[in-house]
Amino acid sequence: MPAPLTLELIQATVQVEQPLGDGTRTVGTGFLINDPSPDGRARVVLVTAEHVFAKMPGPIATIGFRIENADGSWRYDPEPLKIRDGAKELWTRNPDHDIAVIQIDAPPTFAKAAIPEDWLAGDDTFAKYSLGPGDEMLALGFPEGLSANSAGFPILRAGRIASFPLGPSSAFPTFLLDFNVFPGNSGGPVYVDESGHQPPGADGTPGGFIAGMLTQQVELNNQNLSIGIVTDARFVRQTLDLLDHPGAVPASDQASAAGAEAPGLMSAADAAVTR
């Protein structure tokens, strides 16, 4: 029987950080996707918020791998991740959304934790699950750089969908989640786990799906409104496609009809800040 989706995603979620030289560090969250190259070779890709890398001034970040010991315990085993070659950025960014992907060399034991791209929600997934305002979603991350334990596992939290409508993603590329967001949460997966209520698929995959990625929090007048902004998983898929087709720049969604706010109307996106 497959592990619940939550356990699978905990294994695939990592901390991404870089010391700033003054005793502080910039921290974000990422998760690993198994995304084979066009010729069929195995490839592990780290997905995170683009601003996580952009805020790192140096060429080398650290990715928080974890290794299981023979006695069943775990240890934190971070490794360097080259994100720049001189001034050249080595990650691939989505031109319209705060998403970045980069191929990584993960230890074989950790590469197994990468989740299939098929677990990312498609255009019809929200409708298939009849999701709407008030429904619960789960989120993994490293708020303020904190982990769940010394082994470096992410912290699991929950929130409820706080906006309507949820689609189509071409018109509404983000949605709101009612929960506190802190620096370090950016790039974390937001998902629905139906493992306890839905039998596994024919291929053994657990019930549920990744709805999107946490990219921002909402603040107004320097007050945290305890609302997170989640970018739809469709655009994670889109960014993965750019790895192999860098010239295929997706059409901008920013000028969609949904983006044309009524005069005087201020949306949560107007008050969003990156975390």
Protein backbone atom coordinates (compact mmCIF):
# COMPACT_ATOMS: atom_id res chain seq x y z
CA MET A 1 0.00 0.00 0.00
CA PRO A 2 1.45 3.41 -0.91
CA ALA A 3 2.40 5.90 1.78
CA PRO A 4 -0.06 8.77 2.34
CA LEU A 5 0.61 11.75 0.13
CA THR A 6 1.66 13.82 3.14
CA LEU A 7 4.51 11.44 3.96
CA GLU A 8 5.61 11.38 0.33
CA LEU A 9 5.69 15.18 0.18
CA ILE A 10 7.47 15.53 3.52
CA GLN A 11 10.26 13.42 2.09
CA ALA A 12 10.37 15.51 -1.11
CA THR A 13 10.36 18.94 0.60
CA VAL A 14 13.71 20.57 1.41
CA GLN A 15 15.12 23.73 2.89
CA VAL A 16 17.05 26.01 0.55
CA GLU A 17 19.30 28.62 2.16
CA GLN A 18 22.34 30.84 1.80
CA PRO A 19 24.35 32.60 4.54
CA LEU A 20 24.58 36.35 4.03
CA GLY A 21 27.93 36.81 5.80
CA ASP A 22 26.57 38.92 8.65
CA GLY A 23 25.32 36.07 10.80
CA THR A 24 21.97 35.95 9.03
CA ARG A 25 20.76 33.83 6.14
CA THR A 26 18.07 33.84 3.50
CA VAL A 27 15.86 30.75 3.63
CA GLY A 28 13.19 29.28 1.41
CA THR A 29 11.42 26.00 0.77
CA GLY A 30 11.57 23.77 -2.28
CA PHE A 31 10.31 20.38 -3.36
CA LEU A 32 11.72 17.76 -5.69
CA ILE A 33 10.05 16.62 -8.90
CA ASN A 34 10.98 13.54 -10.91
CA ASP A 35 11.02 15.05 -14.40
CA PRO A 36 12.79 12.80 -16.95
CA SER A 37 14.65 14.58 -19.76
CA PRO A 38 13.29 14.31 -23.33
CA ASP A 39 15.63 11.38 -24.05
CA GLY A 40 14.22 9.47 -21.07
CA ARG A 41 17.13 9.94 -18.68
CA ALA A 42 16.28 10.31 -15.01
CA ARG A 43 16.30 13.91 -13.82
CA VAL A 44 15.54 15.44 -10.44
CA VAL A 45 14.35 19.05 -10.46
CA LEU A 46 14.06 21.41 -7.51
CA VAL A 47 11.00 23.67 -7.60
CA THR A 48 10.85 26.82 -5.51
CA ALA A 49 9.72 30.44 -5.60
CA GLU A 50 11.87 32.49 -7.98
CA HIS A 51 12.41 35.22 -5.41
CA VAL A 52 14.10 32.69 -3.10
CA PHE A 53 17.02 32.42 -5.54
CA ALA A 54 16.84 36.08 -6.58
CA LYS A 55 17.37 37.20 -2.97
CA MET A 56 20.52 35.09 -2.67
CA PRO A 57 23.48 37.25 -3.71
CA GLY A 58 26.09 34.49 -3.86
CA PRO A 59 26.61 31.71 -6.42
CA ILE A 60 26.23 28.79 -4.01
CA ALA A 61 23.13 27.92 -2.02
CA THR A 62 22.61 24.97 0.30
CA ILE A 63 19.96 22.30 -0.18
CA GLY A 64 18.91 20.37 2.91
CA PHE A 65 19.12 16.69 2.08
CA ARG A 66 18.39 14.12 4.80
CA ILE A 67 19.89 10.67 5.18
CA GLU A 68 18.30 7.72 6.96
CA ASN A 69 20.69 5.88 9.29
CA ALA A 70 20.87 2.12 9.67
CA ASP A 71 19.00 2.30 12.99
CA GLY A 72 16.05 4.12 11.42
CA SER A 73 17.02 7.58 12.66
CA TRP A 74 17.71 10.49 10.34
CA ARG A 75 20.46 13.08 10.02
CA TYR A 76 20.59 16.41 8.24
CA ASP A 77 23.05 16.28 5.34
CA PRO A 78 23.02 19.61 3.46
CA GLU A 79 24.96 19.93 0.22
CA PRO A 80 25.97 22.90 -1.95
CA LEU A 81 23.81 23.88 -4.89
CA LYS A 82 25.31 26.12 -7.56
CA ILE A 83 22.70 28.68 -8.60
CA ARG A 84 24.89 31.14 -10.55
CA ASP A 85 27.89 30.96 -12.84
CA GLY A 86 29.31 34.43 -12.50
CA ALA A 87 26.42 36.75 -13.28
CA LYS A 88 24.51 34.02 -15.14
CA GLU A 89 21.52 32.57 -13.32
CA LEU A 90 21.43 28.78 -13.57
CA TRP A 91 17.78 28.38 -12.71
CA THR A 92 14.87 28.56 -15.14
CA ARG A 93 12.22 31.11 -14.25
CA ASN A 94 8.63 31.48 -15.29
CA PRO A 95 8.35 34.86 -17.04
CA ASP A 96 4.94 35.63 -15.55
CA HIS A 97 4.93 33.91 -12.16
CA ASP A 98 7.14 33.62 -9.09
CA ILE A 99 8.36 30.10 -9.88
CA ALA A 100 11.87 28.75 -10.53
CA VAL A 101 13.15 25.27 -11.34
CA ILE A 102 16.70 23.93 -11.44
CA GLN A 103 18.10 20.48 -12.15
CA ILE A 104 20.02 19.07 -9.19
CA ASP A 105 22.31 16.15 -8.44
CA ALA A 106 20.61 14.45 -5.52
CA PRO A 107 22.13 11.52 -3.65
CA PRO A 108 20.60 8.29 -5.01
CA THR A 109 18.81 7.59 -1.75
CA PHE A 110 17.27 11.06 -1.79
CA ALA A 111 16.49 11.13 -5.50
CA LYS A 112 13.90 8.44 -4.75
CA ALA A 113 11.95 11.02 -2.76
CA ALA A 114 11.25 13.15 -5.85
CA ILE A 115 7.56 13.04 -6.69
CA PRO A 116 6.10 12.48 -10.17
CA GLU A 117 5.09 15.54 -12.18
CA ASP A 118 1.68 13.90 -12.58
CA TRP A 119 0.91 14.69 -8.94
CA LEU A 120 0.66 18.38 -9.87
CA ALA A 121 -2.94 19.51 -10.35
CA GLY A 122 -4.25 19.87 -13.88
CA ASP A 123 -6.76 22.36 -15.23
CA ASP A 124 -9.71 20.18 -14.20
CA THR A 125 -8.44 18.87 -10.86
CA PHE A 126 -10.17 21.40 -8.60
CA ALA A 127 -13.50 20.72 -10.31
CA LYS A 128 -12.95 16.96 -10.12
CA TYR A 129 -12.51 17.19 -6.35
CA SER A 130 -15.34 19.77 -6.00
CA LEU A 131 -13.06 22.15 -4.14
CA GLY A 132 -14.22 25.57 -3.09
CA PRO A 133 -13.96 28.25 -0.40
CA GLY A 134 -13.61 26.83 3.11
CA ASP A 135 -12.05 23.53 2.02
CA GLU A 136 -8.83 22.61 3.78
CA MET A 137 -5.41 22.38 2.19
CA LEU A 138 -2.06 21.45 3.72
CA ALA A 139 1.27 23.25 3.36
CA LEU A 140 4.87 22.28 4.05
CA GLY A 141 7.70 24.69 4.72
CA PHE A 142 10.38 26.13 6.96
CA PRO A 143 8.87 29.24 8.62
CA GLU A 144 11.62 31.62 9.76
CA GLY A 145 14.07 28.85 8.81
CA LEU A 146 12.71 26.48 11.44
CA SER A 147 12.47 22.75 10.77
CA ALA A 148 10.39 20.16 12.57
CA ASN A 149 13.47 18.55 14.13
CA SER A 150 17.26 18.28 13.93
CA ALA A 151 16.96 16.03 10.88
CA GLY A 152 15.68 18.97 8.83
CA PHE A 153 12.17 17.81 8.02
CA PRO A 154 9.62 20.50 7.05
CA ILE A 155 6.83 21.75 9.28
CA LEU A 156 3.30 20.75 8.28
CA ARG A 157 0.48 23.26 8.59
CA ALA A 158 -3.08 23.65 7.34
CA GLY A 159 -5.32 26.41 6.06
CA ARG A 160 -8.63 26.91 4.30
CA ILE A 161 -9.26 28.20 0.82
CA ALA A 162 -10.10 31.87 1.27
CA SER A 163 -11.02 33.05 -2.22
CA PHE A 164 -13.46 32.43 -5.05
CA PRO A 165 -13.38 31.41 -7.85
CA LEU A 166 -10.50 28.95 -8.14
CA GLY A 167 -10.43 28.91 -11.90
CA PRO A 168 -9.84 28.94 -14.69
CA SER A 169 -6.14 29.36 -13.91
CA SER A 170 -5.67 31.47 -17.03
CA ALA A 171 -7.93 34.09 -15.43
CA PHE A 172 -7.12 33.43 -11.75
CA PRO A 173 -3.50 32.20 -11.58
CA THR A 174 -3.42 32.43 -7.77
CA PHE A 175 -5.78 31.74 -4.88
CA LEU A 176 -5.79 32.64 -1.19
CA LEU A 177 -5.20 30.34 1.78
CA ASP A 178 -6.16 31.34 5.31
CA PHE A 179 -3.01 30.71 7.35
CA ASN A 180 0.02 32.58 8.70
CA VAL A 181 2.94 32.90 6.31
CA PHE A 182 6.50 33.67 7.39
CA PRO A 183 9.85 34.17 5.68
CA GLY A 184 11.06 30.70 4.75
CA ASN A 185 7.64 29.42 3.67
CA SER A 186 8.04 30.59 0.09
CA GLY A 187 8.34 27.75 -2.40
CA GLY A 188 6.57 25.19 -0.26
CA PRO A 189 3.97 22.83 -1.77
CA VAL A 190 0.29 23.37 -1.01
CA TYR A 191 -1.76 20.23 -1.47
CA VAL A 192 -4.82 18.11 -0.78
CA ASP A 193 -4.31 14.69 0.82
CA GLU A 194 -7.20 12.31 0.23
CA SER A 195 -5.18 9.19 1.07
CA GLY A 196 -7.45 8.35 3.98
CA HIS A 197 -10.64 8.74 1.95
CA GLN A 198 -9.70 7.68 -1.55
CA PRO A 199 -8.19 4.39 -2.72
CA PRO A 200 -4.82 4.58 -4.49
CA GLY A 201 -4.80 4.94 -8.25
CA ALA A 202 -4.21 2.06 -10.61
CA ASP A 203 -0.50 2.93 -10.65
CA GLY A 204 -0.33 2.89 -6.84
CA THR A 205 -0.17 6.65 -6.38
CA PRO A 206 -1.73 8.00 -3.17
CA GLY A 207 -4.98 9.95 -3.26
CA GLY A 208 -4.68 13.71 -3.53
CA PHE A 209 -2.69 16.25 -5.51
CA ILE A 210 -0.43 19.30 -5.31
CA ALA A 211 -2.62 22.37 -5.77
CA GLY A 212 0.18 24.89 -6.08
CA MET A 213 3.07 26.64 -4.40
CA LEU A 214 3.08 29.20 -1.60
CA THR A 215 4.68 32.36 -3.00
CA GLN A 216 3.54 35.37 -0.97
CA GLN A 217 1.77 36.62 2.12
CA VAL A 218 -0.72 39.47 2.36
CA GLU A 219 0.17 42.53 4.42
CA LEU A 220 -1.61 45.85 4.72
CA ASN A 221 -0.14 48.85 6.54
CA ASN A 222 2.68 46.60 7.79
CA GLN A 223 0.18 44.20 9.34
CA ASN A 224 0.26 40.50 8.50
CA LEU A 225 -3.28 39.53 7.53
CA SER A 226 -2.61 35.78 7.96
CA ILE A 227 -3.38 35.11 4.30
CA GLY A 228 -1.09 33.24 1.94
CA ILE A 229 -1.08 33.53 -1.83
CA VAL A 230 -0.74 30.24 -3.69
CA THR A 231 0.30 30.08 -7.34
CA ASP A 232 -1.60 27.40 -9.26
CA ALA A 233 0.24 24.15 -10.02
CA ARG A 234 -0.44 24.66 -13.72
CA PHE A 235 2.38 27.20 -13.75
CA VAL A 236 4.79 24.80 -12.05
CA ARG A 237 4.12 22.42 -14.94
CA GLN A 238 4.62 25.30 -17.35
CA THR A 239 8.00 26.17 -15.81
CA LEU A 240 9.15 22.54 -15.95
CA ASP A 241 8.35 22.58 -19.67
CA LEU A 242 10.66 25.59 -20.09
CA LEU A 243 13.61 23.45 -18.97
CA ASP A 244 13.49 21.59 -22.29
CA HIS A 245 11.93 24.32 -24.42
CA PRO A 246 13.47 27.60 -23.21
CA GLY A 247 12.22 29.47 -26.26
CA ALA A 248 8.61 28.52 -25.63
CA VAL A 249 7.74 31.55 -23.53
CA PRO A 250 4.17 31.14 -22.28
CA ALA A 251 1.64 33.83 -23.02
CA SER A 252 1.33 36.31 -20.19
CA ASP A 253 -1.60 35.80 -17.85
CA GLN A 254 -1.10 39.14 -16.19
CA ALA A 255 -3.27 40.98 -18.71
CA SER A 256 -6.20 38.60 -18.35
CA ALA A 257 -9.70 39.83 -17.79
CA ALA A 258 -9.36 38.96 -14.10
CA GLY A 259 -6.43 41.34 -13.80
CA ALA A 260 -8.51 44.30 -14.93
CA GLU A 261 -9.67 45.48 -11.52
CA ALA A 262 -12.60 47.82 -11.17
CA PRO A 263 -11.67 51.44 -10.40
CA GLY A 264 -10.85 51.83 -6.71
CA LEU A 265 -10.83 48.09 -6.06
CA MET A 266 -7.83 46.75 -4.14
CA SER A 267 -7.22 43.01 -4.21
CA ALA A 268 -5.11 40.87 -1.87
CA ALA A 269 -2.52 40.65 -4.65
CA ASP A 270 -2.01 44.42 -4.36
CA ALA A 271 -1.03 43.97 -0.70
CA ALA A 272 1.13 40.88 -1.18
CA VAL A 273 4.76 40.66 -0.11
CA THR A 274 7.18 37.88 -0.92
CA ARG A 275 8.19 35.50 1.86
